[in-house]
């Protein structure tokens, strides 16, 4: 089983012709309500790809929390590590997609604020029995707690730019405590002080695997000093929400299935490409067989 630690939200995704200005209103061309949050997206993708997964998170004792748990169970994700807080509401994210523009998001963290060292300590035994424990953005405190309290499984961390910015040197010092680190190029530059992805890879020492996600240009990885590259896939972008989480999950599952780093990057790029072709973080996640076919036949972007 793969365990994913981090945020649990309900996403409301709106497809808009334009973002309204002050005292304006626009009509949404499409509205989707779904379970979200980086840890949840990761766990759903793992399950969709055929590997048992659990989410470790906190939701409220409210209708949104009921919806979230139902959605995860429907996706095949184990929810025994999801706590319910009686005082705070379930996290809520409003995602606004405007054609040709970057998405805009409004986050109300709610019960996600309750996830911390104490709760992680209470489930450290269960996390330690997993094959992989993945920490997805959230708070630096959560990544530190997993590194300190959980022993045994492969550990991975996708910190996100905000966490890295806030943690500063502490984040850099924590990297060696993780086996696998997922970052995008902006985050890699922040951590390493370098510009190009190859220079970033050579500078980020500590984890045995460092993966840099390059969006439409694919991904690169350094595995114990050896560099691997995989071009991205040419797809129409509908909604990028959760694409990075899907990439992380696909790479993780591929490695558990015995794939070498190069093919694992190909499969991760393929899954991320398929996921951004539909609204919402999880609707476009393929099965393993679908991902393999697309990895072999999909049109690649030029390096």
Foldseek 3Di string as FASTA:
>chain_A
DEEEEAAKEKEWEFEFQDDDDPPDDGDTPDIDIAIDDLSLLLQLLLVLQPHAYEYAAEAEPDVRVVRRVVRSVVSVHDYPNYHYDDPWHHKYKYWYHHPPDAIDIDIDRTRRVVDALVSCLVCQVVNQVDQEYEYEAHEPRNLVNNLPRHDHHQYEYEHDDVRCVVCPVVVLVCQLSHQEYEYEQVNLCSNQVDHDPVSSQVRSDRHQKYKYQHPQQFIWMAHNRDIETDGAFDADFDAQPQLSSSLVSQLVVCVVVPHDNHVSSLLSRQQSRQQRRDPDNHPRGHYNVVSVVCSVDTHGDDD
